[in-house]
Amino acid sequence: MNNQLSTGRAFLLFGIVVFAWGTNWPVTKLLVENVPPLWTSAIRCGIGALALLPLLLFRGRLTVPDRGDLPVVLSIALLHMVAFSALVAAGLQFLPASQAIVLGYTTPIWVALGAFLLLGEALTNWRITGIILGLVGLAVIFNPLSFDWTDRQTIYGCGLTLLAAMCWAASIVYVRAHKWIGTPFELTIWQLLLATIILSLLALIFEGPPIFQWNTPLLLLFLYGGCIGSGLAYWAMSMVNRSLPAITTSLGILATPLVGIVCATLALAESLEPSLLIAAGLIVGGVALGALDDRRRNRLADAAATHRPH
């Protein structure tokens, strides 16, 4: 069965993914103002799993993970859906959403370093330049002229968000080395279910029972974050990855932090510091260099394979 979409529909769906993930940051910021971070993450993961269930049933793709896929289920659930989600939610208690977005999207920088150290992937000149640009971007954020180093809460929030980015990077590095049996889309619901259970247990231990004031805006925020930002976005991205070139999705996803910054500015009335915009440009530019280097290396590999004698 051909699961590919037409190019136009794939780009439309990709635009929805970028918008959903970009708006997830200000949505999470609003959620943690009313709900503790662990419960915020647990409830969103649970709603995301429920949102994916009918999609999997409709497509006949609800299957029990193969034993060989259990390590990747565990790594993504623990490092991405538990650690990344909870740390970001906790960090957003102390940071503006726009600043957290920029710090969160340093993930590809740590991926490049982790892949070099653990997988033996080459650090080409392009990748080294990209890493340097990203690190300079971080230096711009933390320069003493614009960053208050006496504000412990802000430092704590930045530390949590950077740690979240590194956890996500560790998950990505493992995923690169994993030999898949099922598809990422089929495994996502199990990752979300496992993350929901773990986050709920952690929330009960560290935050107590989920006693907070429910109201319509809060419910709508959770439904948006769980259904759109998690369930629908994961499904849509799996479809996009089948229908568009990897370089297109790698570069296109860089629009996500820009969408998030704009939405945070409009919805949360956050001010845009020039240093943050400069840092965002440097970090996004560094990530783009890494993606372009992947494209260049793939083309060289394809050309070498074409001219190799058979």
Protein backbone atom coordinates (compact mmCIF):
# COMPACT_ATOMS: atom_id res chain seq x y z
CA MET A 1 0.00 0.00 0.00
CA ASN A 2 1.37 3.44 -0.96
CA ASN A 3 1.23 5.75 2.05
CA GLN A 4 2.80 8.73 0.29
CA LEU A 5 0.91 12.00 -0.02
CA SER A 6 0.93 14.34 -2.96
CA THR A 7 3.57 17.06 -2.66
CA GLY A 8 0.96 19.75 -2.02
CA ARG A 9 -0.76 17.79 0.75
CA ALA A 10 2.58 16.86 2.30
CA PHE A 11 3.63 20.52 2.49
CA LEU A 12 0.24 21.45 3.96
CA LEU A 13 0.59 18.76 6.61
CA PHE A 14 4.16 19.83 7.26
CA GLY A 15 2.98 23.39 7.82
CA ILE A 16 0.50 22.07 10.39
CA VAL A 17 3.31 20.21 12.19
CA VAL A 18 5.52 23.31 12.33
CA PHE A 19 2.64 25.43 13.60
CA ALA A 20 1.58 22.79 16.16
CA TRP A 21 5.08 22.34 17.59
CA GLY A 22 5.78 26.08 17.50
CA THR A 23 2.62 26.95 19.41
CA ASN A 24 3.22 24.12 21.89
CA TRP A 25 5.77 26.26 23.76
CA PRO A 26 3.47 29.17 24.66
CA VAL A 27 0.66 26.66 25.33
CA THR A 28 2.92 24.81 27.78
CA LYS A 29 3.89 28.14 29.36
CA LEU A 30 0.20 28.86 30.01
CA LEU A 31 -0.38 25.35 31.35
CA VAL A 32 2.44 25.43 33.92
CA GLU A 33 1.06 28.69 35.28
CA ASN A 34 -1.91 26.64 36.52
CA VAL A 35 -0.71 23.03 36.76
CA PRO A 36 2.58 21.60 38.16
CA PRO A 37 5.05 20.63 35.41
CA LEU A 38 5.02 16.85 35.93
CA TRP A 39 1.24 16.72 35.88
CA THR A 40 1.22 19.01 32.84
CA SER A 41 3.47 16.60 30.95
CA ALA A 42 1.64 13.48 32.16
CA ILE A 43 -1.81 14.75 31.16
CA ARG A 44 -0.58 15.91 27.75
CA CYS A 45 1.06 12.57 27.01
CA GLY A 46 -2.12 10.74 28.06
CA ILE A 47 -4.28 12.91 25.81
CA GLY A 48 -1.77 12.44 22.97
CA ALA A 49 -2.02 8.65 23.30
CA LEU A 50 -5.82 8.81 23.25
CA ALA A 51 -5.70 11.05 20.17
CA LEU A 52 -3.44 8.59 18.32
CA LEU A 53 -5.53 5.53 19.14
CA PRO A 54 -8.35 6.12 16.60
CA LEU A 55 -5.81 6.99 13.88
CA LEU A 56 -3.97 3.72 14.44
CA LEU A 57 -7.20 1.71 14.56
CA PHE A 58 -8.52 3.36 11.39
CA ARG A 59 -5.32 2.56 9.52
CA GLY A 60 -5.03 -0.93 10.99
CA ARG A 61 -1.63 -0.09 12.49
CA LEU A 62 -2.22 -0.79 16.20
CA THR A 63 0.32 -3.53 16.91
CA VAL A 64 2.31 -4.68 19.93
CA PRO A 65 5.96 -3.59 19.61
CA ASP A 66 8.42 -6.26 18.56
CA ARG A 67 10.97 -7.22 21.20
CA GLY A 68 13.74 -5.69 19.07
CA ASP A 69 12.00 -2.30 19.21
CA LEU A 70 11.66 -2.20 23.01
CA PRO A 71 14.98 -0.32 23.47
CA VAL A 72 13.85 2.48 21.16
CA VAL A 73 10.44 2.62 22.86
CA LEU A 74 12.20 2.99 26.20
CA SER A 75 14.76 5.53 25.00
CA ILE A 76 12.24 7.85 23.34
CA ALA A 77 9.73 7.51 26.17
CA LEU A 78 12.29 8.16 28.92
CA LEU A 79 14.60 10.68 27.28
CA HIS A 80 12.21 12.61 25.04
CA MET A 81 8.67 12.28 26.35
CA VAL A 82 9.52 12.10 30.07
CA ALA A 83 12.80 13.96 30.57
CA PHE A 84 12.51 16.55 27.78
CA SER A 85 8.82 17.29 28.38
CA ALA A 86 9.11 17.52 32.16
CA LEU A 87 12.32 19.58 32.12
CA VAL A 88 10.91 22.02 29.56
CA ALA A 89 7.69 22.38 31.53
CA ALA A 90 9.69 23.01 34.70
CA GLY A 91 11.99 25.47 32.92
CA LEU A 92 9.02 27.42 31.55
CA GLN A 93 8.00 28.23 35.11
CA PHE A 94 11.02 30.55 35.26
CA LEU A 95 11.60 31.61 31.63
CA PRO A 96 9.73 33.45 28.89
CA ALA A 97 8.54 30.96 26.27
CA SER A 98 10.55 32.70 23.53
CA GLN A 99 13.82 32.25 25.44
CA ALA A 100 13.02 28.63 26.27
CA ILE A 101 12.30 27.89 22.60
CA VAL A 102 15.71 29.12 21.49
CA LEU A 103 17.47 27.11 24.20
CA GLY A 104 15.37 24.03 23.43
CA TYR A 105 16.28 24.09 19.76
CA THR A 106 19.99 23.80 20.52
CA THR A 107 19.24 20.05 20.40
CA PRO A 108 20.87 19.47 16.95
CA ILE A 109 24.13 20.94 18.26
CA TRP A 110 24.28 18.30 21.00
CA VAL A 111 23.18 15.64 18.47
CA ALA A 112 26.19 16.46 16.26
CA LEU A 113 28.57 16.22 19.22
CA GLY A 114 26.94 13.03 20.54
CA ALA A 115 26.95 11.36 17.13
CA PHE A 116 30.65 12.16 16.79
CA LEU A 117 31.53 10.79 20.23
CA LEU A 118 29.23 7.76 20.32
CA LEU A 119 28.53 6.80 16.71
CA GLY A 120 31.77 7.86 15.08
CA GLU A 121 30.05 10.27 12.67
CA ALA A 122 32.53 12.66 11.10
CA LEU A 123 32.75 16.25 12.28
CA THR A 124 33.07 17.93 8.89
CA ASN A 125 34.01 21.58 8.46
CA TRP A 126 30.33 22.38 7.84
CA ARG A 127 29.26 20.66 11.05
CA ILE A 128 32.06 22.25 13.07
CA THR A 129 31.03 25.67 11.75
CA GLY A 130 27.41 24.92 12.62
CA ILE A 131 28.34 23.88 16.16
CA ILE A 132 30.45 27.03 16.59
CA LEU A 133 27.57 29.22 15.38
CA GLY A 134 25.23 27.51 17.84
CA LEU A 135 27.63 27.96 20.73
CA VAL A 136 28.14 31.62 19.80
CA GLY A 137 24.35 31.93 19.86
CA LEU A 138 24.32 30.57 23.40
CA ALA A 139 27.09 33.01 24.34
CA VAL A 140 24.94 35.87 23.02
CA ILE A 141 22.03 34.74 25.23
CA PHE A 142 24.21 34.48 28.33
CA ASN A 143 26.35 37.57 27.78
CA PRO A 144 26.43 39.74 30.94
CA LEU A 145 25.12 42.81 29.08
CA SER A 146 21.70 41.22 28.48
CA PHE A 147 21.58 38.31 30.95
CA ASP A 148 21.13 38.86 34.68
CA TRP A 149 23.56 36.42 36.30
CA THR A 150 22.20 37.35 39.75
CA ASP A 151 18.73 36.01 38.90
CA ARG A 152 18.89 32.45 40.22
CA GLN A 153 15.46 31.50 38.94
CA THR A 154 16.33 32.46 35.38
CA ILE A 155 19.64 30.58 35.60
CA TYR A 156 17.75 27.55 36.95
CA GLY A 157 15.19 27.74 34.15
CA CYS A 158 17.91 28.00 31.49
CA GLY A 159 19.76 25.05 33.01
CA LEU A 160 16.62 22.89 32.99
CA THR A 161 15.85 23.76 29.37
CA LEU A 162 19.40 23.11 28.17
CA LEU A 163 19.39 19.78 30.03
CA ALA A 164 16.09 18.99 28.29
CA ALA A 165 17.68 19.69 24.90
CA MET A 166 20.56 17.34 25.76
CA CYS A 167 18.14 14.58 26.80
CA TRP A 168 16.29 14.95 23.49
CA ALA A 169 19.64 14.85 21.69
CA ALA A 170 20.59 11.61 23.49
CA SER A 171 17.31 10.09 22.33
CA ILE A 172 17.98 11.14 18.72
CA VAL A 173 21.50 9.71 18.80
CA TYR A 174 20.14 6.36 19.97
CA VAL A 175 17.38 6.43 17.34
CA ARG A 176 20.03 6.91 14.63
CA ALA A 177 21.76 3.71 15.71
CA HIS A 178 18.59 1.65 16.20
CA LYS A 179 17.55 -0.94 13.62
CA TRP A 180 13.82 -0.42 13.33
CA ILE A 181 11.36 -3.29 13.03
CA GLY A 182 8.09 -1.39 13.45
CA THR A 183 7.55 2.14 12.16
CA PRO A 184 7.99 5.23 14.35
CA PHE A 185 4.26 5.98 13.96
CA GLU A 186 3.26 2.53 15.23
CA LEU A 187 5.55 2.81 18.24
CA THR A 188 4.60 6.36 19.25
CA ILE A 189 1.44 5.38 21.11
CA TRP A 190 3.39 2.91 23.28
CA GLN A 191 5.99 5.55 24.01
CA LEU A 192 3.26 8.00 25.01
CA LEU A 193 1.51 5.41 27.21
CA LEU A 194 4.77 4.50 28.97
CA ALA A 195 5.62 8.18 29.43
CA THR A 196 2.14 8.86 30.85
CA ILE A 197 2.55 6.12 33.45
CA ILE A 198 6.06 7.20 34.48
CA LEU A 199 5.21 10.90 34.60
CA SER A 200 2.04 10.22 36.62
CA LEU A 201 4.01 8.20 39.19
CA LEU A 202 6.68 10.92 39.42
CA ALA A 203 3.99 13.59 39.73
CA LEU A 204 2.29 11.70 42.57
CA ILE A 205 5.62 11.36 44.40
CA PHE A 206 6.95 14.91 43.91
CA GLU A 207 3.82 17.03 43.35
CA GLY A 208 1.11 15.08 45.16
CA PRO A 209 -2.41 14.30 43.86
CA PRO A 210 -3.61 16.31 40.83
CA ILE A 211 -5.49 18.94 42.80
CA PHE A 212 -5.82 22.09 40.72
CA GLN A 213 -8.64 24.27 39.49
CA TRP A 214 -10.14 22.94 36.26
CA ASN A 215 -11.83 25.42 33.93
CA THR A 216 -12.69 25.64 30.24
CA PRO A 217 -9.54 27.52 29.12
CA LEU A 218 -7.32 25.01 30.94
CA LEU A 219 -9.17 22.07 29.38
CA LEU A 220 -8.83 23.61 25.91
CA LEU A 221 -5.11 24.17 26.43
CA PHE A 222 -4.65 20.51 27.44
CA LEU A 223 -6.70 19.30 24.49
CA TYR A 224 -4.68 21.45 22.11
CA GLY A 225 -1.34 20.40 23.60
CA GLY A 226 -2.28 16.71 23.72
CA CYS A 227 -4.33 16.27 20.55
CA ILE A 228 -2.71 18.81 18.22
CA GLY A 229 0.76 19.31 19.66
CA SER A 230 1.38 15.64 20.40
CA GLY A 231 -0.98 13.10 18.79
CA LEU A 232 -1.79 14.83 15.48
CA ALA A 233 1.71 16.27 15.08
CA TYR A 234 3.39 12.86 15.55
CA TRP A 235 1.05 11.25 13.02
CA ALA A 236 1.43 14.12 10.54
CA MET A 237 5.23 14.09 10.81
CA SER A 238 5.33 10.36 10.11
CA MET A 239 3.30 10.97 6.93
CA VAL A 240 5.46 13.94 5.92
CA ASN A 241 8.67 11.93 6.37
CA ARG A 242 7.34 9.38 3.87
CA SER A 243 6.41 12.02 1.31
CA LEU A 244 9.09 14.74 1.38
CA PRO A 245 12.90 14.57 1.11
CA ALA A 246 14.75 14.45 4.43
CA ILE A 247 16.62 17.68 3.67
CA THR A 248 13.30 19.47 3.12
CA THR A 249 11.95 18.39 6.50
CA SER A 250 15.30 19.05 8.26
CA LEU A 251 15.43 22.64 7.01
CA GLY A 252 11.68 23.25 7.18
CA ILE A 253 11.47 22.24 10.83
CA LEU A 254 13.78 25.17 11.60
CA ALA A 255 10.73 27.38 11.17
CA THR A 256 9.32 25.88 14.38
CA PRO A 257 11.26 28.06 16.86
CA LEU A 258 10.48 31.15 14.76
CA VAL A 259 6.76 30.31 14.84
CA GLY A 260 7.03 29.75 18.58
CA ILE A 261 8.75 33.08 19.20
CA VAL A 262 6.15 34.96 17.17
CA CYS A 263 3.27 33.18 18.94
CA ALA A 264 4.81 33.79 22.36
CA THR A 265 5.20 37.47 21.51
CA LEU A 266 1.60 37.80 20.34
CA ALA A 267 -0.18 35.50 22.79
CA LEU A 268 1.87 36.13 25.93
CA ALA A 269 2.94 39.71 25.21
CA GLU A 270 6.59 38.75 25.68
CA SER A 271 9.15 41.36 24.67
CA LEU A 272 11.70 40.45 22.02
CA GLU A 273 15.21 41.28 23.11
CA PRO A 274 17.65 41.98 20.23
CA SER A 275 20.15 39.56 21.79
CA LEU A 276 17.55 36.76 21.67
CA LEU A 277 16.84 37.38 17.99
CA ILE A 278 20.56 37.38 17.20
CA ALA A 279 21.03 34.16 19.19
CA ALA A 280 18.07 32.52 17.45
CA GLY A 281 19.51 33.44 14.05
CA LEU A 282 22.92 32.00 14.95
CA ILE A 283 21.51 28.76 16.37
CA VAL A 284 19.07 28.21 13.49
CA GLY A 285 21.85 29.04 11.01
CA GLY A 286 24.15 26.53 12.67
CA VAL A 287 21.49 23.81 12.53
CA ALA A 288 20.81 24.63 8.88
CA LEU A 289 24.50 24.17 8.06
CA GLY A 290 24.38 20.72 9.63
CA ALA A 291 21.32 19.77 7.58
CA LEU A 292 22.90 21.05 4.36
CA ASP A 293 26.04 19.07 5.17
CA ASP A 294 23.94 15.91 5.49
CA ARG A 295 22.50 16.61 2.04
CA ARG A 296 25.97 17.17 0.57
CA ARG A 297 27.31 13.96 2.11
CA ASN A 298 24.32 11.94 0.88
CA ARG A 299 24.80 13.27 -2.66
CA LEU A 300 28.48 12.35 -2.57
CA ALA A 301 27.62 8.87 -1.30
CA ASP A 302 24.99 8.41 -4.02
CA ALA A 303 27.44 9.59 -6.69
CA ALA A 304 30.11 7.19 -5.41
CA ALA A 305 27.64 4.31 -5.44
CA THR A 306 26.54 5.16 -9.00
CA HIS A 307 30.09 5.13 -10.35
CA ARG A 308 31.23 2.10 -8.36
CA PRO A 309 31.91 -0.89 -10.67
CA HIS A 310 29.40 -3.74 -10.25
